[in-house]
C-alpha atoms as a PDB file:
ATOM      1  CA  MET A   1     -23.901   1.486  -3.169  1.00  0.00           C
ATOM      2  CA  ASN A   2     -23.708   2.712  -6.652  1.00  0.00           C
ATOM      3  CA  ARG A   3     -21.196   0.052  -8.163  1.00  0.00           C
ATOM      4  CA  ARG A   4     -21.077   1.838 -11.524  1.00  0.00           C
ATOM      5  CA  LYS A   5     -19.758   4.934  -9.923  1.00  0.00           C
ATOM      6  CA  GLN A   6     -17.532   3.033  -7.621  1.00  0.00           C
ATOM      7  CA  HIS A   7     -15.413   1.450 -10.212  1.00  0.00           C
ATOM      8  CA  ASP A   8     -15.776   4.286 -12.950  1.00  0.00           C
ATOM      9  CA  ARG A   9     -12.349   5.758 -12.745  1.00  0.00           C
ATOM     10  CA  LYS A  10     -12.950   8.156 -16.171  1.00  0.00           C
ATOM     11  CA  HIS A  11     -13.866  11.406 -14.389  1.00  0.00           C
ATOM     12  CA  ALA A  12     -12.313  10.484 -10.713  1.00  0.00           C
ATOM     13  CA  SER A  13     -10.052  12.539  -8.577  1.00  0.00           C
ATOM     14  CA  VAL A  14      -7.175  11.246  -6.969  1.00  0.00           C
ATOM     15  CA  ARG A  15      -7.996  11.342  -3.158  1.00  0.00           C
ATOM     16  CA  LEU A  16      -4.746  11.342  -0.791  1.00  0.00           C
ATOM     17  CA  ILE A  17      -5.627   9.822   2.547  1.00  0.00           C
ATOM     18  CA  GLY A  18      -2.928  10.601   5.293  1.00  0.00           C
ATOM     19  CA  VAL A  19      -2.358   8.297   8.170  1.00  0.00           C
ATOM     20  CA  ALA A  20      -0.382   9.946  10.810  1.00  0.00           C
ATOM     21  CA  SER A  21       0.506   7.095  12.789  1.00  0.00           C
ATOM     22  CA  GLY A  22       3.543   5.193  13.833  1.00  0.00           C
ATOM     23  CA  ILE A  23       1.747   3.193  16.530  1.00  0.00           C
ATOM     24  CA  GLY A  24       2.735  -0.156  14.614  1.00  0.00           C
ATOM     25  CA  ALA A  25       6.632   0.757  13.947  1.00  0.00           C
ATOM     26  CA  GLN A  26       9.321   0.281  16.299  1.00  0.00           C
ATOM     27  CA  ASP A  27      10.622   3.750  15.232  1.00  0.00           C
ATOM     28  CA  PRO A  28       7.327   6.003  15.667  1.00  0.00           C
ATOM     29  CA  GLY A  29       8.984   8.839  13.468  1.00  0.00           C
ATOM     30  CA  CYS A  30       6.899   7.709  10.562  1.00  0.00           C
ATOM     31  CA  GLU A  31       3.872   9.468  12.267  1.00  0.00           C
ATOM     32  CA  LYS A  32       5.240  12.568  10.879  1.00  0.00           C
ATOM     33  CA  GLY A  33       5.148  11.640   7.369  1.00  0.00           C
ATOM     34  CA  ALA A  34       1.874  12.034   5.993  1.00  0.00           C
ATOM     35  CA  TRP A  35       1.720  15.655   7.799  1.00  0.00           C
ATOM     36  CA  ALA A  36       5.334  16.447   5.948  1.00  0.00           C
ATOM     37  CA  ILE A  37       3.984  15.096   2.451  1.00  0.00           C
ATOM     38  CA  LYS A  38       1.051  17.011   2.701  1.00  0.00           C
ATOM     39  CA  HIS A  39       2.701  20.358   3.862  1.00  0.00           C
ATOM     40  CA  SER A  40       5.580  20.078   1.207  1.00  0.00           C
ATOM     41  CA  HIS A  41       5.914  22.850  -1.138  1.00  0.00           C
ATOM     42  CA  TRP A  42       6.546  20.403  -4.007  1.00  0.00           C
ATOM     43  CA  MET A  43       2.851  19.137  -3.614  1.00  0.00           C
ATOM     44  CA  HIS A  44       1.571  22.351  -5.306  1.00  0.00           C
ATOM     45  CA  ARG A  45       2.464  20.310  -8.717  1.00  0.00           C
ATOM     46  CA  LEU A  46      -0.507  18.182  -7.732  1.00  0.00           C
ATOM     47  CA  ALA A  47      -3.037  20.731  -6.521  1.00  0.00           C
ATOM     48  CA  GLU A  48      -5.125  20.479  -9.584  1.00  0.00           C
ATOM     49  CA  VAL A  49      -5.275  16.689 -10.002  1.00  0.00           C
ATOM     50  CA  THR A  50      -5.458  15.426  -6.234  1.00  0.00           C
ATOM     51  CA  GLU A  51      -7.613  16.295  -3.315  1.00  0.00           C
ATOM     52  CA  TRP A  52      -6.753  15.408   0.259  1.00  0.00           C
ATOM     53  CA  SER A  53      -8.849  13.853   2.952  1.00  0.00           C
ATOM     54  CA  ASP A  54      -8.161  15.165   6.703  1.00  0.00           C
ATOM     55  CA  LEU A  55      -5.079  13.355   8.188  1.00  0.00           C
ATOM     56  CA  ILE A  56      -6.082  10.493  10.233  1.00  0.00           C
ATOM     57  CA  TYR A  57      -4.550  10.040  13.520  1.00  0.00           C
ATOM     58  CA  PRO A  58      -4.689   7.765  16.448  1.00  0.00           C
ATOM     59  CA  ARG A  59      -7.191   8.131  18.993  1.00  0.00           C
ATOM     60  CA  ASP A  60      -6.003   9.165  22.594  1.00  0.00           C
ATOM     61  CA  GLY A  61      -7.070   6.669  25.579  1.00  0.00           C
ATOM     62  CA  LEU A  62      -6.812   3.260  23.914  1.00  0.00           C
ATOM     63  CA  ASP A  63      -4.359   0.546  23.953  1.00  0.00           C
ATOM     64  CA  ARG A  64      -2.117  -0.397  21.195  1.00  0.00           C
ATOM     65  CA  TRP A  65      -4.361  -3.195  19.780  1.00  0.00           C
ATOM     66  CA  ALA A  66      -7.612  -1.285  20.328  1.00  0.00           C
ATOM     67  CA  SER A  67      -6.057   1.747  18.786  1.00  0.00           C
ATOM     68  CA  LEU A  68      -4.624   0.027  15.962  1.00  0.00           C
ATOM     69  CA  ALA A  69      -8.145  -1.748  15.272  1.00  0.00           C
ATOM     70  CA  ASP A  70      -9.946   1.721  15.561  1.00  0.00           C
ATOM     71  CA  LEU A  71      -7.282   3.490  13.218  1.00  0.00           C
ATOM     72  CA  ALA A  72      -7.747   0.727  10.637  1.00  0.00           C
ATOM     73  CA  THR A  73     -11.642   1.052  10.684  1.00  0.00           C
ATOM     74  CA  ARG A  74     -11.570   4.759  10.006  1.00  0.00           C
ATOM     75  CA  VAL A  75      -9.004   4.294   7.113  1.00  0.00           C
ATOM     76  CA  GLY A  76     -11.075   1.710   5.870  1.00  0.00           C
ATOM     77  CA  ASP A  77     -14.198   4.054   6.018  1.00  0.00           C
ATOM     78  CA  GLU A  78     -12.655   6.726   4.329  1.00  0.00           C
ATOM     79  CA  VAL A  79     -11.390   4.189   1.502  1.00  0.00           C
ATOM     80  CA  VAL A  80     -14.804   2.937   1.162  1.00  0.00           C
ATOM     81  CA  ARG A  81     -16.239   6.625   0.898  1.00  0.00           C
ATOM     82  CA  THR A  82     -13.671   7.460  -1.924  1.00  0.00           C
ATOM     83  CA  LEU A  83     -14.392   4.603  -3.993  1.00  0.00           C
ATOM     84  CA  GLU A  84     -18.007   5.078  -3.533  1.00  0.00           C
ATOM     85  CA  GLU A  85     -18.020   8.867  -4.697  1.00  0.00           C
ATOM     86  CA  GLY A  86     -16.085   7.632  -7.849  1.00  0.00           C
ATOM     87  CA  ASN A  87     -12.556   8.655  -6.899  1.00  0.00           C
ATOM     88  CA  PHE A  88      -9.322   6.773  -6.507  1.00  0.00           C
ATOM     89  CA  PRO A  89      -7.677   6.431  -3.019  1.00  0.00           C
ATOM     90  CA  VAL A  90      -3.957   6.794  -2.543  1.00  0.00           C
ATOM     91  CA  VAL A  91      -3.306   5.869   1.043  1.00  0.00           C
ATOM     92  CA  LEU A  92      -0.076   7.683   2.504  1.00  0.00           C
ATOM     93  CA  GLY A  93       1.394   6.456   5.733  1.00  0.00           C
ATOM     94  CA  GLY A  94       2.611   6.458   8.343  1.00  0.00           C
ATOM     95  CA  ASP A  95       3.791   2.452   9.146  1.00  0.00           C
ATOM     96  CA  HIS A  96       2.832  -0.093   7.028  1.00  0.00           C
ATOM     97  CA  SER A  97       0.123  -1.172   9.504  1.00  0.00           C
ATOM     98  CA  CYS A  98      -1.950   1.263   7.802  1.00  0.00           C
ATOM     99  CA  ALA A  99      -2.594  -1.532   5.070  1.00  0.00           C
ATOM    100  CA  LEU A 100      -5.102  -3.050   7.599  1.00  0.00           C
ATOM    101  CA  GLY A 101      -7.215   0.055   6.878  1.00  0.00           C
ATOM    102  CA  THR A 102      -6.412   0.350   3.236  1.00  0.00           C
ATOM    103  CA  TRP A 103      -7.124  -3.147   2.129  1.00  0.00           C
ATOM    104  CA  SER A 104      -9.920  -4.123   4.566  1.00  0.00           C
ATOM    105  CA  GLY A 105     -11.611  -0.966   3.326  1.00  0.00           C
ATOM    106  CA  VAL A 106     -11.097  -1.691  -0.392  1.00  0.00           C
ATOM    107  CA  ALA A 107     -12.547  -5.335   0.306  1.00  0.00           C
ATOM    108  CA  ARG A 108     -15.481  -4.115   1.654  1.00  0.00           C
ATOM    109  CA  ALA A 109     -16.037  -1.752  -1.287  1.00  0.00           C
ATOM    110  CA  LEU A 110     -15.930  -4.475  -3.361  1.00  0.00           C
ATOM    111  CA  ASN A 111     -19.217  -5.610  -1.788  1.00  0.00           C
ATOM    112  CA  GLY A 112     -19.136  -9.402  -2.723  1.00  0.00           C
ATOM    113  CA  ARG A 113     -18.232  -8.691  -6.361  1.00  0.00           C
ATOM    114  CA  GLY A 114     -15.179 -10.982  -6.109  1.00  0.00           C
ATOM    115  CA  PRO A 115     -11.818 -11.368  -4.058  1.00  0.00           C
ATOM    116  CA  LEU A 116      -9.039  -8.683  -4.103  1.00  0.00           C
ATOM    117  CA  GLY A 117      -5.620  -9.148  -5.578  1.00  0.00           C
ATOM    118  CA  LEU A 118      -2.697  -7.572  -3.813  1.00  0.00           C
ATOM    119  CA  LEU A 119       1.025  -6.655  -5.167  1.00  0.00           C
ATOM    120  CA  TRP A 120       3.042  -6.141  -1.816  1.00  0.00           C
ATOM    121  CA  ILE A 121       6.388  -4.443  -2.965  1.00  0.00           C
ATOM    122  CA  ASP A 122       8.481  -4.307   0.354  1.00  0.00           C
ATOM    123  CA  ALA A 123      12.056  -5.281   1.642  1.00  0.00           C
ATOM    124  CA  HIS A 124      10.360  -7.187   4.265  1.00  0.00           C
ATOM    125  CA  MET A 125       7.506  -9.886   4.378  1.00  0.00           C
ATOM    126  CA  ASP A 126       5.585  -8.095   7.095  1.00  0.00           C
ATOM    127  CA  SER A 127       3.918 -11.719   7.806  1.00  0.00           C
ATOM    128  CA  HIS A 128       4.873 -12.267  11.387  1.00  0.00           C
ATOM    129  CA  ILE A 129       1.935 -13.257  14.042  1.00  0.00           C
ATOM    130  CA  PRO A 130       2.398 -12.123  17.588  1.00  0.00           C
ATOM    131  CA  GLU A 131       3.788 -15.561  18.655  1.00  0.00           C
ATOM    132  CA  THR A 132       6.622 -15.435  16.065  1.00  0.00           C
ATOM    133  CA  SER A 133       7.595 -11.566  16.374  1.00  0.00           C
ATOM    134  CA  ALA A 134      10.614 -10.898  18.712  1.00  0.00           C
ATOM    135  CA  SER A 135      10.126  -7.323  18.328  1.00  0.00           C
ATOM    136  CA  HIS A 136       6.263  -7.391  18.512  1.00  0.00           C
ATOM    137  CA  ALA A 137       6.156  -4.447  16.167  1.00  0.00           C
ATOM    138  CA  ILE A 138       2.644  -4.563  14.321  1.00  0.00           C
ATOM    139  CA  HIS A 139       4.117  -2.916  10.983  1.00  0.00           C
ATOM    140  CA  GLY A 140       5.796  -6.480  10.619  1.00  0.00           C
ATOM    141  CA  MET A 141       2.373  -8.284  10.861  1.00  0.00           C
ATOM    142  CA  PRO A 142      -0.052  -6.828   8.517  1.00  0.00           C
ATOM    143  CA  LEU A 143       0.196  -8.868   5.542  1.00  0.00           C
ATOM    144  CA  ALA A 144      -0.345 -11.986   7.849  1.00  0.00           C
ATOM    145  CA  ALA A 145      -3.315 -10.567   9.262  1.00  0.00           C
ATOM    146  CA  LEU A 146      -4.922  -9.751   5.889  1.00  0.00           C
ATOM    147  CA  LEU A 147      -4.267 -13.353   4.939  1.00  0.00           C
ATOM    148  CA  GLY A 148      -6.203 -14.342   8.197  1.00  0.00           C
ATOM    149  CA  ARG A 149      -3.299 -15.239  10.398  1.00  0.00           C
ATOM    150  CA  GLY A 150      -2.622 -13.265  13.720  1.00  0.00           C
ATOM    151  CA  GLN A 151      -4.275 -11.366  16.308  1.00  0.00           C
ATOM    152  CA  HIS A 152      -8.111 -11.614  15.746  1.00  0.00           C
ATOM    153  CA  ALA A 153      -8.941  -8.158  15.959  1.00  0.00           C
ATOM    154  CA  LEU A 154      -6.698  -7.351  13.097  1.00  0.00           C
ATOM    155  CA  VAL A 155      -7.822 -10.309  10.846  1.00  0.00           C
ATOM    156  CA  SER A 156     -11.372  -9.645  11.560  1.00  0.00           C
ATOM    157  CA  LEU A 157     -11.481  -6.071  10.407  1.00  0.00           C
ATOM    158  CA  ALA A 158     -13.623  -6.764   7.005  1.00  0.00           C
ATOM    159  CA  GLY A 159     -16.074  -8.946   8.847  1.00  0.00           C
ATOM    160  CA  ARG A 160     -14.441 -12.043   7.950  1.00  0.00           C
ATOM    161  CA  GLU A 161     -11.493 -13.889   9.014  1.00  0.00           C
ATOM    162  CA  ALA A 162      -9.518 -13.288   5.696  1.00  0.00           C
ATOM    163  CA  ILE A 163      -9.417 -10.247   3.434  1.00  0.00           C
ATOM    164  CA  LEU A 164      -6.935 -11.835   0.925  1.00  0.00           C
ATOM    165  CA  ARG A 165      -6.720 -15.420  -0.562  1.00  0.00           C
ATOM    166  CA  PRO A 166      -2.838 -16.311  -0.686  1.00  0.00           C
ATOM    167  CA  GLU A 167      -3.168 -17.148  -4.785  1.00  0.00           C
ATOM    168  CA  HIS A 168      -4.032 -13.576  -5.005  1.00  0.00           C
ATOM    169  CA  VAL A 169      -1.199 -12.035  -3.280  1.00  0.00           C
ATOM    170  CA  CYS A 170       2.220 -11.439  -4.527  1.00  0.00           C
ATOM    171  CA  LEU A 171       5.362 -10.419  -2.695  1.00  0.00           C
ATOM    172  CA  LEU A 172       8.027  -8.360  -4.755  1.00  0.00           C
ATOM    173  CA  ALA A 173      11.663  -7.022  -3.891  1.00  0.00           C
ATOM    174  CA  VAL A 174      11.768  -8.843  -0.709  1.00  0.00           C
ATOM    175  CA  ARG A 175      15.511  -8.973   0.995  1.00  0.00           C
ATOM    176  CA  SER A 176      15.121  -8.929   4.784  1.00  0.00           C
ATOM    177  CA  TYR A 177      12.778 -11.508   6.567  1.00  0.00           C
ATOM    178  CA  GLU A 178      12.795 -13.999   9.538  1.00  0.00           C
ATOM    179  CA  GLU A 179      12.456 -17.854   9.060  1.00  0.00           C
ATOM    180  CA  ALA A 180       8.855 -17.892  10.505  1.00  0.00           C
ATOM    181  CA  GLU A 181       7.662 -15.392   7.974  1.00  0.00           C
ATOM    182  CA  ALA A 182       8.836 -17.306   5.202  1.00  0.00           C
ATOM    183  CA  GLU A 183       7.807 -20.620   6.457  1.00  0.00           C
ATOM    184  CA  LEU A 184       4.124 -19.162   6.830  1.00  0.00           C
ATOM    185  CA  LEU A 185       4.144 -17.632   3.366  1.00  0.00           C
ATOM    186  CA  ASN A 186       5.552 -21.044   1.981  1.00  0.00           C
ATOM    187  CA  ARG A 187       2.755 -22.920   3.603  1.00  0.00           C
ATOM    188  CA  LEU A 188       0.096 -20.547   2.394  1.00  0.00           C
ATOM    189  CA  GLU A 189       1.689 -20.982  -1.212  1.00  0.00           C
ATOM    190  CA  VAL A 190       1.969 -17.146  -1.271  1.00  0.00           C
ATOM    191  CA  ARG A 191       4.549 -16.058  -4.492  1.00  0.00           C
ATOM    192  CA  VAL A 192       7.505 -14.247  -3.092  1.00  0.00           C
ATOM    193  CA  ILE A 193       9.608 -12.451  -5.823  1.00  0.00           C
ATOM    194  CA  SER A 194      12.889 -11.623  -3.881  1.00  0.00           C
ATOM    195  CA  GLN A 195      15.246  -8.814  -4.754  1.00  0.00           C
ATOM    196  CA  ALA A 196      17.898 -11.431  -6.003  1.00  0.00           C
ATOM    197  CA  GLU A 197      15.111 -12.777  -8.282  1.00  0.00           C
ATOM    198  CA  VAL A 198      14.500  -9.096  -9.674  1.00  0.00           C
ATOM    199  CA  LEU A 199      18.005  -8.695 -10.371  1.00  0.00           C
ATOM    200  CA  ARG A 200      18.161 -12.096 -12.175  1.00  0.00           C
ATOM    201  CA  ARG A 201      15.327 -12.027 -13.977  1.00  0.00           C
ATOM    202  CA  GLY A 202      14.527  -8.282 -14.350  1.00  0.00           C
ATOM    203  CA  LEU A 203      11.938  -5.967 -12.774  1.00  0.00           C
ATOM    204  CA  ASP A 204       9.429  -5.863 -15.859  1.00  0.00           C
ATOM    205  CA  THR A 205       9.271  -9.710 -16.220  1.00  0.00           C
ATOM    206  CA  CYS A 206       8.860 -10.136 -12.393  1.00  0.00           C
ATOM    207  CA  LEU A 207       5.943  -7.346 -12.465  1.00  0.00           C
ATOM    208  CA  ALA A 208       4.323  -8.871 -15.281  1.00  0.00           C
ATOM    209  CA  GLU A 209       4.206 -12.198 -13.417  1.00  0.00           C
ATOM    210  CA  ALA A 210       2.956 -10.685 -10.269  1.00  0.00           C
ATOM    211  CA  LEU A 211       0.083  -8.883 -12.109  1.00  0.00           C
ATOM    212  CA  LEU A 212      -0.986 -11.717 -13.699  1.00  0.00           C
ATOM    213  CA  ARG A 213      -1.329 -13.465 -10.398  1.00  0.00           C
ATOM    214  CA  ILE A 214      -3.175 -10.882  -8.589  1.00  0.00           C
ATOM    215  CA  GLY A 215      -5.330  -9.843 -11.481  1.00  0.00           C
ATOM    216  CA  THR A 216      -6.609 -13.650 -12.148  1.00  0.00           C
ATOM    217  CA  GLY A 217      -9.872 -14.740 -10.911  1.00  0.00           C
ATOM    218  CA  THR A 218      -9.914 -11.095  -8.926  1.00  0.00           C
ATOM    219  CA  ALA A 219     -12.761  -8.207  -8.934  1.00  0.00           C
ATOM    220  CA  GLY A 220      -9.803  -5.757  -8.934  1.00  0.00           C
ATOM    221  CA  PHE A 221      -6.350  -5.406  -7.283  1.00  0.00           C
ATOM    222  CA  GLY A 222      -4.374  -3.024  -5.273  1.00  0.00           C
ATOM    223  CA  VAL A 223      -0.818  -2.155  -5.112  1.00  0.00           C
ATOM    224  CA  SER A 224       1.128  -1.607  -1.628  1.00  0.00           C
ATOM    225  CA  LEU A 225       4.437   0.084  -1.836  1.00  0.00           C
ATOM    226  CA  ASP A 226       6.771   0.113   1.410  1.00  0.00           C
ATOM    227  CA  LEU A 227       9.426   2.805   0.395  1.00  0.00           C
ATOM    228  CA  ASP A 228      11.930   0.532   2.161  1.00  0.00           C
ATOM    229  CA  ALA A 229      11.907  -1.399  -1.105  1.00  0.00           C
ATOM    230  CA  ILE A 230      13.794   1.170  -2.802  1.00  0.00           C
ATOM    231  CA  ASP A 231      17.249   1.636  -2.285  1.00  0.00           C
ATOM    232  CA  PRO A 232      18.132   3.802   0.676  1.00  0.00           C
ATOM    233  CA  ILE A 233      20.634   5.603  -1.077  1.00  0.00           C
ATOM    234  CA  GLN A 234      17.415   7.111  -3.188  1.00  0.00           C
ATOM    235  CA  ALA A 235      15.086   6.892  -0.276  1.00  0.00           C
ATOM    236  CA  PRO A 236      17.145   7.228   3.053  1.00  0.00           C
ATOM    237  CA  GLY A 237      13.559   8.581   5.074  1.00  0.00           C
ATOM    238  CA  VAL A 238      12.271   5.124   6.359  1.00  0.00           C
ATOM    239  CA  GLY A 239      12.444   3.407   9.623  1.00  0.00           C
ATOM    240  CA  SER A 240      13.930   0.061   8.562  1.00  0.00           C
ATOM    241  CA  PRO A 241      16.343   0.393   5.676  1.00  0.00           C
ATOM    242  CA  GLU A 242      17.837  -2.354   3.561  1.00  0.00           C
ATOM    243  CA  PRO A 243      20.726  -1.907   1.197  1.00  0.00           C
ATOM    244  CA  ALA A 244      20.511  -2.824  -2.552  1.00  0.00           C
ATOM    245  CA  GLY A 245      16.876  -2.171  -3.012  1.00  0.00           C
ATOM    246  CA  LEU A 246      15.048  -0.975  -6.173  1.00  0.00           C
ATOM    247  CA  ASP A 247      15.533   2.205  -8.385  1.00  0.00           C
ATOM    248  CA  ALA A 248      12.869   4.163  -7.785  1.00  0.00           C
ATOM    249  CA  GLN A 249      12.532   5.531 -11.433  1.00  0.00           C
ATOM    250  CA  ARG A 250      12.864   2.124 -12.991  1.00  0.00           C
ATOM    251  CA  LEU A 251       9.866   1.029 -10.326  1.00  0.00           C
ATOM    252  CA  VAL A 252       7.738   3.590 -11.413  1.00  0.00           C
ATOM    253  CA  ALA A 253       8.287   2.911 -15.035  1.00  0.00           C
ATOM    254  CA  ALA A 254       7.658  -0.472 -14.807  1.00  0.00           C
ATOM    255  CA  LEU A 255       4.583  -0.165 -12.713  1.00  0.00           C
ATOM    256  CA  ALA A 256       2.885   1.506 -15.734  1.00  0.00           C
ATOM    257  CA  PRO A 257       0.951  -1.403 -16.705  1.00  0.00           C
ATOM    258  CA  ALA A 258      -0.650  -1.759 -13.150  1.00  0.00           C
ATOM    259  CA  LEU A 259      -1.404   1.936 -12.997  1.00  0.00           C
ATOM    260  CA  ALA A 260      -3.174   2.380 -16.468  1.00  0.00           C
ATOM    261  CA  ASP A 261      -5.166  -0.820 -15.543  1.00  0.00           C
ATOM    262  CA  GLN A 262      -9.007  -0.167 -14.665  1.00  0.00           C
ATOM    263  CA  ARG A 263      -8.694  -2.928 -12.283  1.00  0.00           C
ATOM    264  CA  LEU A 264      -6.331  -1.064  -9.998  1.00  0.00           C
ATOM    265  CA  LEU A 265      -8.760  -0.085  -7.165  1.00  0.00           C
ATOM    266  CA  ALA A 266      -6.122   1.791  -4.793  1.00  0.00           C
ATOM    267  CA  LEU A 267      -2.319   2.491  -4.221  1.00  0.00           C
ATOM    268  CA  GLU A 268      -0.745   2.559  -0.619  1.00  0.00           C
ATOM    269  CA  ILE A 269       2.520   4.248   0.103  1.00  0.00           C
ATOM    270  CA  ALA A 270       3.914   3.676   3.597  1.00  0.00           C
ATOM    271  CA  GLU A 271       6.712   4.012   6.014  1.00  0.00           C
ATOM    272  CA  TYR A 272       7.925   7.750   5.214  1.00  0.00           C
ATOM    273  CA  ASN A 273       9.776   8.683   8.235  1.00  0.00           C
ATOM    274  CA  PRO A 274      11.011  12.260   7.781  1.00  0.00           C
ATOM    275  CA  GLU A 275      13.391  12.142  10.860  1.00  0.00           C
ATOM    276  CA  HIS A 276      15.817  10.059   8.984  1.00  0.00           C
ATOM    277  CA  ASP A 277      15.505  12.073   5.503  1.00  0.00           C
ATOM    278  CA  ARG A 278      18.526  13.481   4.272  1.00  0.00           C
ATOM    279  CA  SER A 279      17.908  16.851   2.486  1.00  0.00           C
ATOM    280  CA  GLN A 280      14.327  16.153   1.903  1.00  0.00           C
ATOM    281  CA  ARG A 281      15.572  13.055  -0.658  1.00  0.00           C
ATOM    282  CA  THR A 282      12.788  10.808  -0.009  1.00  0.00           C
ATOM    283  CA  LEU A 283      10.128  13.430   0.589  1.00  0.00           C
ATOM    284  CA  ARG A 284      10.776  14.827  -3.035  1.00  0.00           C
ATOM    285  CA  LEU A 285      10.853  11.081  -4.376  1.00  0.00           C
ATOM    286  CA  ILE A 286       7.521  10.343  -2.769  1.00  0.00           C
ATOM    287  CA  VAL A 287       5.962  13.655  -4.882  1.00  0.00           C
ATOM    288  CA  ASP A 288       7.854  12.666  -7.921  1.00  0.00           C
ATOM    289  CA  LEU A 289       6.140   8.935  -7.425  1.00  0.00           C
ATOM    290  CA  LEU A 290       2.828  10.562  -7.099  1.00  0.00           C
ATOM    291  CA  ASP A 291       3.247  12.930  -9.884  1.00  0.00           C
ATOM    292  CA  GLN A 292       3.958  10.009 -12.151  1.00  0.00           C
ATOM    293  CA  LEU A 293       1.552   7.910 -10.701  1.00  0.00           C
ATOM    294  CA  VAL A 294      -1.230  10.342 -11.123  1.00  0.00           C
ATOM    295  CA  GLN A 295       0.035  11.058 -14.810  1.00  0.00           C
ATOM    296  CA  GLN A 296      -0.673   7.612 -15.617  1.00  0.00           C
ATOM    297  CA  VAL A 297      -4.250   7.207 -14.040  1.00  0.00           C
ATOM    298  CA  GLY A 298      -4.981  10.747 -15.790  1.00  0.00           C
ATOM    299  CA  ALA A 299      -3.477   9.594 -19.027  1.00  0.00           C
ATOM    300  CA  HIS A 300      -5.563   6.467 -19.198  1.00  0.00           C
ATOM    301  CA  ARG A 301      -8.847   8.143 -18.082  1.00  0.00           C
ATOM    302  CA  LYS A 302      -8.385  10.808 -21.001  1.00  0.00           C
ATOM    303  CA  SER A 303      -7.677   8.084 -23.499  1.00  0.00           C
ATOM    304  CA  LYS A 304     -10.963   6.606 -22.548  1.00  0.00           C
ATOM    305  CA  LEU A 305     -12.652   9.641 -22.701  1.00  0.00           C
ATOM    306  CA  ALA A 306     -11.627  10.196 -26.444  1.00  0.00           C
ATOM    307  CA  GLN A 307     -12.372   6.602 -27.203  1.00  0.00           C
ATOM    308  CA  GLY A 308     -16.171   7.715 -26.004  1.00  0.00           C
ATOM    309  CA  ASP A 309     -16.251   4.692 -23.286  1.00  0.00           C
END
């Protein structure tokens, strides 16, 4: 592996990896999300600064656990390939179980250089294990699996028992969860910043704390955004909306320091469900988010080039 090329984003393009799957969700309509994003006429704005990989679909003929493990492996392989080629991966779901592939892939690409930090922006904790989940929906379990808890086929995707260490993880904007999830994260000492805390302390302050946590003692970090973290008035096209969420544009502005940080290894946007969208409001928001995110990455690369770095 060419590690210099892998982590040099100065000349990298942004590769969009669409995961056309809803097998982990209670409402599988999000399986159409990546396709809808890719074929949106608004995406022409990003055509010169992004490239798409082939959409990744679940294979036929596998049971749910085997299908999810296979899907995660293929998503992870595409993330590894993207990083090895010096490009910046943006994974677009699909339900949030795509995170199993995204972050196991990033961990593999790090190849022992150090631990991975992760900012998980979500209305929910996604930290159930099969024994504590009433719905048994796998998109409510990926963070627990990444922390080494739950079904073995999921927690071993990167070839070890845990992809993430609790001290390198921070949740942001949580406002709906079950007691068992909160107990697990509390026992592991994972930092959870609730939406109530965001409103009390301010988004910029909370994000600064989160970035310090995920960036300390790590070889790099990622950001995983579940669209239900955003207020459903602005983003109705999700499967599990929760009221009183984040303001979309304030979130993107507050994320600017993370997006400009050379330690940022990948971005994930999950849970777009076009069946629940209204006047394509959420779809346009996703494209606007991608546009602003790509501009942040591109502006930083241009600045580094001007400095001759």
